[in-house]
mmCIF file of all heavy atoms, coordinates in Angstrom:
data_MODEL
# 
_entry.id   MODEL 
# 
loop_
_atom_site.group_PDB 
_atom_site.id 
_atom_site.type_symbol 
_atom_site.label_atom_id 
_atom_site.label_alt_id 
_atom_site.label_comp_id 
_atom_site.label_asym_id 
_atom_site.label_entity_id 
_atom_site.label_seq_id 
_atom_site.pdbx_PDB_ins_code 
_atom_site.Cartn_x 
_atom_site.Cartn_y 
_atom_site.Cartn_z 
_atom_site.occupancy 
_atom_site.B_iso_or_equiv 
_atom_site.pdbx_formal_charge 
_atom_site.auth_seq_id 
_atom_site.auth_comp_id 
_atom_site.auth_asym_id 
_atom_site.auth_atom_id 
_atom_site.pdbx_PDB_model_num 
ATOM 1   N N   . ALA A 1 1  ? -64.822 21.912 -9.975  1.00 0.00 ? 1  ALA A N   1 
ATOM 2   C CA  . ALA A 1 1  ? -64.773 20.470 -10.108 1.00 0.00 ? 1  ALA A CA  1 
ATOM 3   C C   . ALA A 1 1  ? -63.670 19.927 -9.211  1.00 0.00 ? 1  ALA A C   1 
ATOM 4   O O   . ALA A 1 1  ? -62.643 20.580 -9.005  1.00 0.00 ? 1  ALA A O   1 
ATOM 5   C CB  . ALA A 1 1  ? -64.514 20.073 -11.557 1.00 0.00 ? 1  ALA A CB  1 
ATOM 6   N N   . ASP A 1 2  ? -63.884 18.731 -8.676  1.00 0.00 ? 2  ASP A N   1 
ATOM 7   C CA  . ASP A 1 2  ? -62.889 18.145 -7.786  1.00 0.00 ? 2  ASP A CA  1 
ATOM 8   C C   . ASP A 1 2  ? -61.522 18.027 -8.454  1.00 0.00 ? 2  ASP A C   1 
ATOM 9   O O   . ASP A 1 2  ? -60.484 18.157 -7.792  1.00 0.00 ? 2  ASP A O   1 
ATOM 10  C CB  . ASP A 1 2  ? -63.345 16.766 -7.313  1.00 0.00 ? 2  ASP A CB  1 
ATOM 11  C CG  . ASP A 1 2  ? -64.495 16.834 -6.323  1.00 0.00 ? 2  ASP A CG  1 
ATOM 12  O OD1 . ASP A 1 2  ? -64.700 17.898 -5.718  1.00 0.00 ? 2  ASP A OD1 1 
ATOM 13  O OD2 . ASP A 1 2  ? -65.187 15.813 -6.158  1.00 0.00 ? 2  ASP A OD2 1 
ATOM 14  N N   . SER A 1 3  ? -61.514 17.801 -9.745  1.00 0.00 ? 3  SER A N   1 
ATOM 15  C CA  . SER A 1 3  ? -60.269 17.585 -10.459 1.00 0.00 ? 3  SER A CA  1 
ATOM 16  C C   . SER A 1 3  ? -59.387 18.826 -10.536 1.00 0.00 ? 3  SER A C   1 
ATOM 17  O O   . SER A 1 3  ? -58.190 18.713 -10.819 1.00 0.00 ? 3  SER A O   1 
ATOM 18  C CB  . SER A 1 3  ? -60.554 17.071 -11.873 1.00 0.00 ? 3  SER A CB  1 
ATOM 19  O OG  . SER A 1 3  ? -61.351 17.989 -12.597 1.00 0.00 ? 3  SER A OG  1 
ATOM 20  N N   . VAL A 1 4  ? -59.960 19.998 -10.292 1.00 0.00 ? 4  VAL A N   1 
ATOM 21  C CA  . VAL A 1 4  ? -59.179 21.233 -10.416 1.00 0.00 ? 4  VAL A CA  1 
ATOM 22  C C   . VAL A 1 4  ? -59.080 22.011 -9.115  1.00 0.00 ? 4  VAL A C   1 
ATOM 23  O O   . VAL A 1 4  ? -58.391 23.041 -9.078  1.00 0.00 ? 4  VAL A O   1 
ATOM 24  C CB  . VAL A 1 4  ? -59.743 22.154 -11.520 1.00 0.00 ? 4  VAL A CB  1 
ATOM 25  C CG1 . VAL A 1 4  ? -59.861 21.400 -12.837 1.00 0.00 ? 4  VAL A CG1 1 
ATOM 26  C CG2 . VAL A 1 4  ? -61.088 22.745 -11.113 1.00 0.00 ? 4  VAL A CG2 1 
ATOM 27  N N   . LYS A 1 5  ? -59.727 21.544 -8.061  1.00 0.00 ? 5  LYS A N   1 
ATOM 28  C CA  . LYS A 1 5  ? -59.677 22.249 -6.785  1.00 0.00 ? 5  LYS A CA  1 
ATOM 29  C C   . LYS A 1 5  ? -58.243 22.391 -6.298  1.00 0.00 ? 5  LYS A C   1 
ATOM 30  O O   . LYS A 1 5  ? -57.464 21.445 -6.332  1.00 0.00 ? 5  LYS A O   1 
ATOM 31  C CB  . LYS A 1 5  ? -60.513 21.515 -5.738  1.00 0.00 ? 5  LYS A CB  1 
ATOM 32  C CG  . LYS A 1 5  ? -62.006 21.681 -5.909  1.00 0.00 ? 5  LYS A CG  1 
ATOM 33  C CD  . LYS A 1 5  ? -62.777 20.956 -4.812  1.00 0.00 ? 5  LYS A CD  1 
ATOM 34  C CE  . LYS A 1 5  ? -64.268 21.144 -4.977  1.00 0.00 ? 5  LYS A CE  1 
ATOM 35  N NZ  . LYS A 1 5  ? -65.036 20.392 -3.956  1.00 0.00 ? 5  LYS A NZ  1 
ATOM 36  N N   . GLY A 1 6  ? -57.922 23.587 -5.856  1.00 0.00 ? 6  GLY A N   1 
ATOM 37  C CA  . GLY A 1 6  ? -56.583 23.868 -5.379  1.00 0.00 ? 6  GLY A CA  1 
ATOM 38  C C   . GLY A 1 6  ? -55.620 24.282 -6.459  1.00 0.00 ? 6  GLY A C   1 
ATOM 39  O O   . GLY A 1 6  ? -54.516 24.755 -6.153  1.00 0.00 ? 6  GLY A O   1 
ATOM 40  N N   . ARG A 1 7  ? -56.011 24.115 -7.711  1.00 0.00 ? 7  ARG A N   1 
ATOM 41  C CA  . ARG A 1 7  ? -55.139 24.477 -8.832  1.00 0.00 ? 7  ARG A CA  1 
ATOM 42  C C   . ARG A 1 7  ? -55.709 25.606 -9.682  1.00 0.00 ? 7  ARG A C   1 
ATOM 43  O O   . ARG A 1 7  ? -54.955 26.431 -10.199 1.00 0.00 ? 7  ARG A O   1 
ATOM 44  C CB  . ARG A 1 7  ? -54.888 23.263 -9.724  1.00 0.00 ? 7  ARG A CB  1 
ATOM 45  C CG  . ARG A 1 7  ? -54.212 22.094 -9.004  1.00 0.00 ? 7  ARG A CG  1 
ATOM 46  C CD  . ARG A 1 7  ? -53.810 20.992 -9.980  1.00 0.00 ? 7  ARG A CD  1 
ATOM 47  N NE  . ARG A 1 7  ? -54.962 20.423 -10.670 1.00 0.00 ? 7  ARG A NE  1 
ATOM 48  C CZ  . ARG A 1 7  ? -55.144 20.456 -11.985 1.00 0.00 ? 7  ARG A CZ  1 
ATOM 49  N NH1 . ARG A 1 7  ? -54.229 21.038 -12.766 1.00 0.00 ? 7  ARG A NH1 1 
ATOM 50  N NH2 . ARG A 1 7  ? -56.211 19.895 -12.528 1.00 0.00 ? 7  ARG A NH2 1 
ATOM 51  N N   . PHE A 1 8  ? -57.024 25.629 -9.841  1.00 0.00 ? 8  PHE A N   1 
ATOM 52  C CA  . PHE A 1 8  ? -57.685 26.635 -10.677 1.00 0.00 ? 8  PHE A CA  1 
ATOM 53  C C   . PHE A 1 8  ? -58.423 27.633 -9.800  1.00 0.00 ? 8  PHE A C   1 
ATOM 54  O O   . PHE A 1 8  ? -58.951 27.282 -8.739  1.00 0.00 ? 8  PHE A O   1 
ATOM 55  C CB  . PHE A 1 8  ? -58.698 25.991 -11.624 1.00 0.00 ? 8  PHE A CB  1 
ATOM 56  C CG  . PHE A 1 8  ? -58.106 25.157 -12.727 1.00 0.00 ? 8  PHE A CG  1 
ATOM 57  C CD1 . PHE A 1 8  ? -56.772 24.803 -12.740 1.00 0.00 ? 8  PHE A CD1 1 
ATOM 58  C CD2 . PHE A 1 8  ? -58.923 24.726 -13.766 1.00 0.00 ? 8  PHE A CD2 1 
ATOM 59  C CE1 . PHE A 1 8  ? -56.240 24.031 -13.757 1.00 0.00 ? 8  PHE A CE1 1 
ATOM 60  C CE2 . PHE A 1 8  ? -58.409 23.954 -14.793 1.00 0.00 ? 8  PHE A CE2 1 
ATOM 61  C CZ  . PHE A 1 8  ? -57.066 23.603 -14.791 1.00 0.00 ? 8  PHE A CZ  1 
ATOM 62  N N   . THR A 1 9  ? -58.492 28.869 -10.265 1.00 0.00 ? 9  THR A N   1 
ATOM 63  C CA  . THR A 1 9  ? -59.240 29.907 -9.575  1.00 0.00 ? 9  THR A CA  1 
ATOM 64  C C   . THR A 1 9  ? -60.051 30.702 -10.582 1.00 0.00 ? 9  THR A C   1 
ATOM 65  O O   . THR A 1 9  ? -59.499 31.219 -11.555 1.00 0.00 ? 9  THR A O   1 
ATOM 66  C CB  . THR A 1 9  ? -58.310 30.858 -8.806  1.00 0.00 ? 9  THR A CB  1 
ATOM 67  O OG1 . THR A 1 9  ? -57.520 30.130 -7.868  1.00 0.00 ? 9  THR A OG1 1 
ATOM 68  C CG2 . THR A 1 9  ? -59.136 31.902 -8.050  1.00 0.00 ? 9  THR A CG2 1 
ATOM 69  N N   . ILE A 1 10 ? -61.346 30.791 -10.356 1.00 0.00 ? 10 ILE A N   1 
ATOM 70  C CA  . ILE A 1 10 ? -62.201 31.612 -11.190 1.00 0.00 ? 10 ILE A CA  1 
ATOM 71  C C   . ILE A 1 10 ? -62.431 32.937 -10.478 1.00 0.00 ? 10 ILE A C   1 
ATOM 72  O O   . ILE A 1 10 ? -62.619 32.978 -9.259  1.00 0.00 ? 10 ILE A O   1 
ATOM 73  C CB  . ILE A 1 10 ? -63.538 30.904 -11.517 1.00 0.00 ? 10 ILE A CB  1 
ATOM 74  C CG1 . ILE A 1 10 ? -64.334 31.695 -12.562 1.00 0.00 ? 10 ILE A CG1 1 
ATOM 75  C CG2 . ILE A 1 10 ? -64.361 30.656 -10.263 1.00 0.00 ? 10 ILE A CG2 1 
ATOM 76  C CD1 . ILE A 1 10 ? -65.544 30.933 -13.111 1.00 0.00 ? 10 ILE A CD1 1 
ATOM 77  N N   . SER A 1 11 ? -62.399 34.021 -11.225 1.00 0.00 ? 11 SER A N   1 
ATOM 78  C CA  . SER A 1 11 ? -62.535 35.330 -10.620 1.00 0.00 ? 11 SER A CA  1 
ATOM 79  C C   . SER A 1 11 ? -63.095 36.324 -11.623 1.00 0.00 ? 11 SER A C   1 
ATOM 80  O O   . SER A 1 11 ? -63.098 36.082 -12.832 1.00 0.00 ? 11 SER A O   1 
ATOM 81  C CB  . SER A 1 11 ? -61.195 35.833 -10.077 1.00 0.00 ? 11 SER A CB  1 
ATOM 82  O OG  . SER A 1 11 ? -60.256 35.990 -11.126 1.00 0.00 ? 11 SER A OG  1 
ATOM 83  N N   . ARG A 1 12 ? -63.562 37.415 -11.103 1.00 0.00 ? 12 ARG A N   1 
ATOM 84  C CA  . ARG A 1 12 ? -64.060 38.501 -11.937 1.00 0.00 ? 12 ARG A CA  1 
ATOM 85  C C   . ARG A 1 12 ? -63.061 39.643 -11.898 1.00 0.00 ? 12 ARG A C   1 
ATOM 86  O O   . ARG A 1 12 ? -62.646 40.086 -10.826 1.00 0.00 ? 12 ARG A O   1 
ATOM 87  C CB  . ARG A 1 12 ? -65.438 38.935 -11.427 1.00 0.00 ? 12 ARG A CB  1 
ATOM 88  C CG  . ARG A 1 12 ? -66.188 39.849 -12.346 1.00 0.00 ? 12 ARG A CG  1 
ATOM 89  C CD  . ARG A 1 12 ? -67.704 39.734 -12.126 1.00 0.00 ? 12 ARG A CD  1 
ATOM 90  N NE  . ARG A 1 12 ? -68.054 39.632 -10.724 1.00 0.00 ? 12 ARG A NE  1 
ATOM 91  C CZ  . ARG A 1 12 ? -68.836 38.689 -10.232 1.00 0.00 ? 12 ARG A CZ  1 
ATOM 92  N NH1 . ARG A 1 12 ? -69.362 37.759 -11.029 1.00 0.00 ? 12 ARG A NH1 1 
ATOM 93  N NH2 . ARG A 1 12 ? -69.111 38.665 -8.943  1.00 0.00 ? 12 ARG A NH2 1 
ATOM 94  N N   . ASP A 1 13 ? -62.662 40.106 -13.063 1.00 0.00 ? 13 ASP A N   1 
ATOM 95  C CA  . ASP A 1 13 ? -61.740 41.225 -13.175 1.00 0.00 ? 13 ASP A CA  1 
ATOM 96  C C   . ASP A 1 13 ? -62.570 42.459 -13.495 1.00 0.00 ? 13 ASP A C   1 
ATOM 97  O O   . ASP A 1 13 ? -62.970 42.673 -14.641 1.00 0.00 ? 13 ASP A O   1 
ATOM 98  C CB  . ASP A 1 13 ? -60.702 40.966 -14.262 1.00 0.00 ? 13 ASP A CB  1 
ATOM 99  C CG  . ASP A 1 13 ? -59.606 42.012 -14.289 1.00 0.00 ? 13 ASP A CG  1 
ATOM 100 O OD1 . ASP A 1 13 ? -59.871 43.184 -13.977 1.00 0.00 ? 13 ASP A OD1 1 
ATOM 101 O OD2 . ASP A 1 13 ? -58.460 41.653 -14.634 1.00 0.00 ? 13 ASP A OD2 1 
ATOM 102 N N   . ASN A 1 14 ? -62.829 43.260 -12.497 1.00 0.00 ? 14 ASN A N   1 
ATOM 103 C CA  . ASN A 1 14 ? -63.695 44.419 -12.680 1.00 0.00 ? 14 ASN A CA  1 
ATOM 104 C C   . ASN A 1 14 ? -63.080 45.471 -13.610 1.00 0.00 ? 14 ASN A C   1 
ATOM 105 O O   . ASN A 1 14 ? -63.797 46.145 -14.347 1.00 0.00 ? 14 ASN A O   1 
ATOM 106 C CB  . ASN A 1 14 ? -64.023 45.050 -11.332 1.00 0.00 ? 14 ASN A CB  1 
ATOM 107 C CG  . ASN A 1 14 ? -64.898 44.168 -10.471 1.00 0.00 ? 14 ASN A CG  1 
ATOM 108 O OD1 . ASN A 1 14 ? -65.768 43.459 -10.971 1.00 0.00 ? 14 ASN A OD1 1 
ATOM 109 N ND2 . ASN A 1 14 ? -64.683 44.210 -9.160  1.00 0.00 ? 14 ASN A ND2 1 
ATOM 110 N N   . ALA A 1 15 ? -61.765 45.614 -13.571 1.00 0.00 ? 15 ALA A N   1 
ATOM 111 C CA  . ALA A 1 15 ? -61.102 46.601 -14.408 1.00 0.00 ? 15 ALA A CA  1 
ATOM 112 C C   . ALA A 1 15 ? -61.243 46.270 -15.884 1.00 0.00 ? 15 ALA A C   1 
ATOM 113 O O   . ALA A 1 15 ? -61.399 47.172 -16.716 1.00 0.00 ? 15 ALA A O   1 
ATOM 114 C CB  . ALA A 1 15 ? -59.630 46.718 -14.024 1.00 0.00 ? 15 ALA A CB  1 
ATOM 115 N N   . LYS A 1 16 ? -61.194 44.997 -16.211 1.00 0.00 ? 16 LYS A N   1 
ATOM 116 C CA  . LYS A 1 16 ? -61.272 44.556 -17.607 1.00 0.00 ? 16 LYS A CA  1 
ATOM 117 C C   . LYS A 1 16 ? -62.659 44.059 -17.996 1.00 0.00 ? 16 LYS A C   1 
ATOM 118 O O   . LYS A 1 16 ? -62.902 43.742 -19.163 1.00 0.00 ? 16 LYS A O   1 
ATOM 119 C CB  . LYS A 1 16 ? -60.250 43.452 -17.864 1.00 0.00 ? 16 LYS A CB  1 
ATOM 120 C CG  . LYS A 1 16 ? -58.810 43.883 -17.693 1.00 0.00 ? 16 LYS A CG  1 
ATOM 121 C CD  . LYS A 1 16 ? -57.859 42.711 -17.744 1.00 0.00 ? 16 LYS A CD  1 
ATOM 122 C CE  . LYS A 1 16 ? -57.942 41.960 -19.053 1.00 0.00 ? 16 LYS A CE  1 
ATOM 123 N NZ  . LYS A 1 16 ? -56.962 40.841 -19.104 1.00 0.00 ? 16 LYS A NZ  1 
ATOM 124 N N   . SER A 1 17 ? -63.543 43.956 -17.035 1.00 0.00 ? 17 SER A N   1 
ATOM 125 C CA  . SER A 1 17 ? -64.900 43.443 -17.255 1.00 0.00 ? 17 SER A CA  1 
ATOM 126 C C   . SER A 1 17 ? -64.876 42.046 -17.865 1.00 0.00 ? 17 SER A C   1 
ATOM 127 O O   . SER A 1 17 ? -65.591 41.759 -18.833 1.00 0.00 ? 17 SER A O   1 
ATOM 128 C CB  . SER A 1 17 ? -65.704 44.405 -18.132 1.00 0.00 ? 17 SER A CB  1 
ATOM 129 O OG  . SER A 1 17 ? -65.848 45.662 -17.505 1.00 0.00 ? 17 SER A OG  1 
ATOM 130 N N   . THR A 1 18 ? -64.059 41.202 -17.290 1.00 0.00 ? 18 THR A N   1 
ATOM 131 C CA  . THR A 1 18 ? -63.968 39.824 -17.741 1.00 0.00 ? 18 THR A CA  1 
ATOM 132 C C   . THR A 1 18 ? -64.098 38.870 -16.564 1.00 0.00 ? 18 THR A C   1 
ATOM 133 O O   . THR A 1 18 ? -63.955 39.265 -15.406 1.00 0.00 ? 18 THR A O   1 
ATOM 134 C CB  . THR A 1 18 ? -62.626 39.536 -18.442 1.00 0.00 ? 18 THR A CB  1 
ATOM 135 O OG1 . THR A 1 18 ? -61.551 39.737 -17.520 1.00 0.00 ? 18 THR A OG1 1 
ATOM 136 C CG2 . THR A 1 18 ? -62.438 40.431 -19.657 1.00 0.00 ? 18 THR A CG2 1 
ATOM 137 N N   . VAL A 1 19 ? -64.386 37.634 -16.868 1.00 0.00 ? 19 VAL A N   1 
ATOM 138 C CA  . VAL A 1 19 ? -64.297 36.550 -15.903 1.00 0.00 ? 19 VAL A CA  1 
ATOM 139 C C   . VAL A 1 19 ? -63.119 35.687 -16.321 1.00 0.00 ? 19 VAL A C   1 
ATOM 140 O O   . VAL A 1 19 ? -63.055 35.226 -17.462 1.00 0.00 ? 19 VAL A O   1 
ATOM 141 C CB  . VAL A 1 19 ? -65.590 35.732 -15.826 1.00 0.00 ? 19 VAL A CB  1 
ATOM 142 C CG1 . VAL A 1 19 ? -65.384 34.486 -14.959 1.00 0.00 ? 19 VAL A CG1 1 
ATOM 143 C CG2 . VAL A 1 19 ? -66.710 36.580 -15.244 1.00 0.00 ? 19 VAL A CG2 1 
ATOM 144 N N   . ASP A 1 20 ? -62.204 35.482 -15.401 1.00 0.00 ? 20 ASP A N   1 
ATOM 145 C CA  . ASP A 1 20 ? -60.964 34.806 -15.717 1.00 0.00 ? 20 ASP A CA  1 
ATOM 146 C C   . ASP A 1 20 ? -60.868 33.460 -15.019 1.00 0.00 ? 20 ASP A C   1 
ATOM 147 O O   . ASP A 1 20 ? -61.499 33.216 -13.993 1.00 0.00 ? 20 ASP A O   1 
ATOM 148 C CB  . ASP A 1 20 ? -59.773 35.668 -15.300 1.00 0.00 ? 20 ASP A CB  1 
ATOM 149 C CG  . ASP A 1 20 ? -59.744 37.014 -15.989 1.00 0.00 ? 20 ASP A CG  1 
ATOM 150 O OD1 . ASP A 1 20 ? -60.357 37.157 -17.069 1.00 0.00 ? 20 ASP A OD1 1 
ATOM 151 O OD2 . ASP A 1 20 ? -59.102 37.932 -15.441 1.00 0.00 ? 20 ASP A OD2 1 
ATOM 152 N N   . LEU A 1 21 ? -60.075 32.599 -15.594 1.00 0.00 ? 21 LEU A N   1 
ATOM 153 C CA  . LEU A 1 21 ? -59.771 31.310 -14.993 1.00 0.00 ? 21 LEU A CA  1 
ATOM 154 C C   . LEU A 1 21 ? -58.261 31.171 -14.930 1.00 0.00 ? 21 LEU A C   1 
ATOM 155 O O   . LEU A 1 21 ? -57.601 30.996 -15.962 1.00 0.00 ? 21 LEU A O   1 
ATOM 156 C CB  . LEU A 1 21 ? -60.384 30.165 -15.796 1.00 0.00 ? 21 LEU A CB  1 
ATOM 157 C CG  . LEU A 1 21 ? -60.203 28.769 -15.199 1.00 0.00 ? 21 LEU A CG  1 
ATOM 158 C CD1 . LEU A 1 21 ? -61.041 28.627 -13.924 1.00 0.00 ? 21 LEU A CD1 1 
ATOM 159 C CD2 . LEU A 1 21 ? -60.596 27.691 -16.208 1.00 0.00 ? 21 LEU A CD2 1 
ATOM 160 N N   . GLN A 1 22 ? -57.722 31.293 -13.732 1.00 0.00 ? 22 GLN A N   1 
ATOM 161 C CA  . GLN A 1 22 ? -56.299 31.106 -13.519 1.00 0.00 ? 22 GLN A CA  1 
ATOM 162 C C   . GLN A 1 22 ? -56.040 29.629 -13.305 1.00 0.00 ? 22 GLN A C   1 
ATOM 163 O O   . GLN A 1 22 ? -56.599 29.022 -12.393 1.00 0.00 ? 22 GLN A O   1 
ATOM 164 C CB  . GLN A 1 22 ? -55.816 31.910 -12.315 1.00 0.00 ? 22 GLN A CB  1 
ATOM 165 C CG  . GLN A 1 22 ? -54.343 31.734 -11.986 1.00 0.00 ? 22 GLN A CG  1 
ATOM 166 C CD  . GLN A 1 22 ? -53.439 32.299 -13.055 1.00 0.00 ? 22 GLN A CD  1 
ATOM 167 O OE1 . GLN A 1 22 ? -53.668 33.400 -13.545 1.00 0.00 ? 22 GLN A OE1 1 
ATOM 168 N NE2 . GLN A 1 22 ? -52.421 31.539 -13.436 1.00 0.00 ? 22 GLN A NE2 1 
ATOM 169 N N   . MET A 1 23 ? -55.200 29.051 -14.136 1.00 0.00 ? 23 MET A N   1 
ATOM 170 C CA  . MET A 1 23 ? -54.915 27.631 -14.091 1.00 0.00 ? 23 MET A CA  1 
ATOM 171 C C   . MET A 1 23 ? -53.445 27.433 -13.752 1.00 0.00 ? 23 MET A C   1 
ATOM 172 O O   . MET A 1 23 ? -52.568 27.813 -14.530 1.00 0.00 ? 23 MET A O   1 
ATOM 173 C CB  . MET A 1 23 ? -55.252 26.959 -15.421 1.00 0.00 ? 23 MET A CB  1 
ATOM 174 C CG  . MET A 1 23 ? -56.685 27.207 -15.887 1.00 0.00 ? 23 MET A CG  1 
ATOM 175 S SD  . MET A 1 23 ? -57.100 26.304 -17.400 1.00 0.00 ? 23 MET A SD  1 
ATOM 176 C CE  . MET A 1 23 ? -55.979 27.102 -18.549 1.00 0.00 ? 23 MET A CE  1 
ATOM 177 N N   . ASN A 1 24 ? -53.200 26.852 -12.590 1.00 0.00 ? 24 ASN A N   1 
ATOM 178 C CA  . ASN A 1 24 ? -51.846 26.586 -12.132 1.00 0.00 ? 24 ASN A CA  1 
ATOM 179 C C   . ASN A 1 24 ? -51.613 25.084 -12.037 1.00 0.00 ? 24 ASN A C   1 
ATOM 180 O O   . ASN A 1 24 ? -52.549 24.293 -12.010 1.00 0.00 ? 24 ASN A O   1 
ATOM 181 C CB  . ASN A 1 24 ? -51.601 27.233 -10.769 1.00 0.00 ? 24 ASN A CB  1 
ATOM 182 C CG  . ASN A 1 24 ? -51.718 28.734 -10.790 1.00 0.00 ? 24 ASN A CG  1 
ATOM 183 O OD1 . ASN A 1 24 ? -51.379 29.382 -11.777 1.00 0.00 ? 24 ASN A OD1 1 
ATOM 184 N ND2 . ASN A 1 24 ? -52.196 29.305 -9.689  1.00 0.00 ? 24 ASN A ND2 1 
ATOM 185 N N   . SER A 1 25 ? -50.353 24.718 -11.953 1.00 0.00 ? 25 SER A N   1 
ATOM 186 C CA  . SER A 1 25 ? -49.977 23.306 -11.823 1.00 0.00 ? 25 SER A CA  1 
ATOM 187 C C   . SER A 1 25 ? -50.685 22.440 -12.850 1.00 0.00 ? 25 SER A C   1 
ATOM 188 O O   . SER A 1 25 ? -51.260 21.393 -12.535 1.00 0.00 ? 25 SER A O   1 
ATOM 189 C CB  . SER A 1 25 ? -50.272 22.810 -10.402 1.00 0.00 ? 25 SER A CB  1 
ATOM 190 O OG  . SER A 1 25 ? -49.581 23.577 -9.437  1.00 0.00 ? 25 SER A OG  1 
ATOM 191 N N   . LEU A 1 26 ? -50.643 22.877 -14.079 1.00 0.00 ? 26 LEU A N   1 
ATOM 192 C CA  . LEU A 1 26 ? -51.376 22.193 -15.134 1.00 0.00 ? 26 LEU A CA  1 
ATOM 193 C C   . LEU A 1 26 ? -50.845 20.787 -15.375 1.00 0.00 ? 26 LEU A C   1 
ATOM 194 O O   . LEU A 1 26 ? -49.642 20.532 -15.277 1.00 0.00 ? 26 LEU A O   1 
ATOM 195 C CB  . LEU A 1 26 ? -51.322 23.001 -16.419 1.00 0.00 ? 26 LEU A CB  1 
ATOM 196 C CG  . LEU A 1 26 ? -52.258 24.217 -16.439 1.00 0.00 ? 26 LEU A CG  1 
ATOM 197 C CD1 . LEU A 1 26 ? -51.849 25.193 -17.520 1.00 0.00 ? 26 LEU A CD1 1 
ATOM 198 C CD2 . LEU A 1 26 ? -53.699 23.768 -16.637 1.00 0.00 ? 26 LEU A CD2 1 
ATOM 199 N N   . LYS A 1 27 ? -51.774 19.908 -15.686 1.00 0.00 ? 27 LYS A N   1 
ATOM 200 C CA  . LYS A 1 27 ? -51.481 18.512 -15.946 1.00 0.00 ? 27 LYS A CA  1 
ATOM 201 C C   . LYS A 1 27 ? -51.901 18.160 -17.369 1.00 0.00 ? 27 LYS A C   1 
ATOM 202 O O   . LYS A 1 27 ? -52.779 18.807 -17.933 1.00 0.00 ? 27 LYS A O   1 
ATOM 203 C CB  . LYS A 1 27 ? -52.238 17.612 -14.964 1.00 0.00 ? 27 LYS A CB  1 
ATOM 204 C CG  . LYS A 1 27 ? -51.993 17.921 -13.501 1.00 0.00 ? 27 LYS A CG  1 
ATOM 205 C CD  . LYS A 1 27 ? -52.893 17.078 -12.613 1.00 0.00 ? 27 LYS A CD  1 
ATOM 206 C CE  . LYS A 1 27 ? -52.674 17.386 -11.152 1.00 0.00 ? 27 LYS A CE  1 
ATOM 207 N NZ  . LYS A 1 27 ? -53.568 16.569 -10.275 1.00 0.00 ? 27 LYS A NZ  1 
# 
């Protein structure tokens, strides 16, 4: 979403078999 671009990152953690959402610079 435009509101989170540059701040959030979605990724797959193969070691843990999870999909994660890293949220930085939270507002």
